[in-house]
Amino acid sequence: MRQLYSWQAYKAELEFLENTESGIIPIKVKASTNTKAKSLEKYHPEKSVLLSANNISYDTEKNIYYCPIYLAALRPWLKLYSDQSGTDAS
């Protein structure tokens, strides 16, 4: 079973930090379609996930995987990020 952690600093937080074989993946959760995430901008992760009410998409410039909240249990970002690193994180 994977361990999940959270991170919080002054006016910024990440709901989950998932530790995988390909590295730590910060996961931000937004309850609406507004996906502005100040904490991801402040944290500057190499890769990240933003769960929201929006559809699946991927921002190649920021390396952010956008995923609808209802798919969170399937963790589809693990396949994407493990393919990028050349390791299996599932």
Protein backbone atom coordinates (compact mmCIF):
# COMPACT_ATOMS: atom_id res chain seq x y z
CA MET A 1 0.00 0.00 0.00
CA ARG A 2 1.34 3.42 -0.96
CA GLN A 3 1.81 6.08 1.67
CA LEU A 4 0.30 9.50 1.04
CA TYR A 5 1.55 12.68 2.68
CA SER A 6 0.55 16.34 2.57
CA TRP A 7 2.49 19.60 2.52
CA GLN A 8 1.53 23.00 3.86
CA ALA A 9 3.41 26.29 4.07
CA TYR A 10 2.31 29.91 4.41
CA LYS A 11 -0.75 30.33 2.13
CA ALA A 12 0.07 27.22 0.10
CA GLU A 13 -0.73 23.56 0.47
CA LEU A 14 -0.71 20.32 -1.46
CA GLU A 15 -3.36 17.83 -0.46
CA PHE A 16 -1.24 14.78 -1.23
CA LEU A 17 2.35 13.85 -1.98
CA GLU A 18 2.55 10.39 -3.49
CA ASN A 19 5.89 8.63 -3.19
CA THR A 20 6.44 6.42 -6.26
CA GLU A 21 9.39 4.60 -7.79
CA SER A 22 9.72 7.43 -10.32
CA GLY A 23 9.79 10.10 -7.59
CA ILE A 24 7.42 12.17 -5.49
CA ILE A 25 4.27 13.35 -7.25
CA PRO A 26 2.46 16.32 -5.66
CA ILE A 27 -1.33 16.11 -6.01
CA LYS A 28 -3.52 19.21 -5.73
CA VAL A 29 -7.31 18.90 -5.44
CA LYS A 30 -9.69 21.63 -6.61
CA ALA A 31 -13.45 21.20 -6.08
CA SER A 32 -14.46 23.18 -9.17
CA THR A 33 -13.29 23.85 -12.72
CA ASN A 34 -11.05 26.68 -11.49
CA THR A 35 -7.62 25.04 -11.69
CA LYS A 36 -5.36 27.89 -10.62
CA ALA A 37 -2.99 26.28 -8.14
CA LYS A 38 -0.72 28.75 -6.34
CA SER A 39 0.86 25.97 -4.33
CA LEU A 40 2.08 24.18 -7.47
CA GLU A 41 3.58 27.45 -8.67
CA LYS A 42 5.28 27.95 -5.31
CA TYR A 43 6.42 24.35 -4.91
CA HIS A 44 7.82 24.11 -8.51
CA PRO A 45 7.55 20.32 -8.83
CA GLU A 46 9.16 18.46 -11.72
CA LYS A 47 5.80 16.76 -12.33
CA SER A 48 2.39 17.10 -10.66
CA VAL A 49 -1.28 16.16 -10.71
CA LEU A 50 -4.27 18.46 -10.38
CA LEU A 51 -7.59 16.77 -9.59
CA SER A 52 -10.66 18.88 -10.43
CA ALA A 53 -14.07 18.89 -12.11
CA ASN A 54 -12.36 19.26 -15.53
CA ASN A 55 -11.64 16.55 -18.10
CA ILE A 56 -8.32 14.76 -18.52
CA SER A 57 -5.58 16.84 -20.09
CA TYR A 58 -1.83 17.24 -19.88
CA ASP A 59 0.18 20.47 -19.89
CA THR A 60 3.53 19.58 -21.46
CA GLU A 61 5.02 22.98 -20.64
CA LYS A 62 4.30 22.77 -16.90
CA ASN A 63 4.29 18.93 -16.76
CA ILE A 64 0.91 18.93 -14.99
CA TYR A 65 -1.53 16.05 -15.45
CA TYR A 66 -5.12 17.29 -15.06
CA CYS A 67 -7.51 14.56 -13.99
CA PRO A 68 -11.19 14.53 -13.01
CA ILE A 69 -11.73 13.81 -9.34
CA TYR A 70 -13.87 10.75 -10.12
CA LEU A 71 -10.82 9.00 -11.65
CA ALA A 72 -8.54 9.63 -8.67
CA ALA A 73 -8.80 6.06 -7.33
CA LEU A 74 -7.47 4.71 -10.65
CA ARG A 75 -4.42 7.02 -10.49
CA PRO A 76 -3.94 7.21 -14.29
CA TRP A 77 -1.01 9.62 -13.88
CA LEU A 78 1.21 6.78 -12.64
CA LYS A 79 1.36 5.27 -16.13
CA LEU A 80 2.20 8.62 -17.72
CA TYR A 81 4.94 9.52 -15.26
CA SER A 82 6.42 6.01 -15.15
CA ASP A 83 6.64 6.04 -18.98
CA GLN A 84 8.51 9.35 -18.82
CA SER A 85 11.08 8.07 -16.34
CA GLY A 86 11.51 4.63 -17.83
CA THR A 87 10.50 2.86 -14.61
CA ASP A 88 7.30 1.15 -13.55
CA ALA A 89 5.53 3.02 -10.77
CA SER A 90 2.31 0.99 -10.67
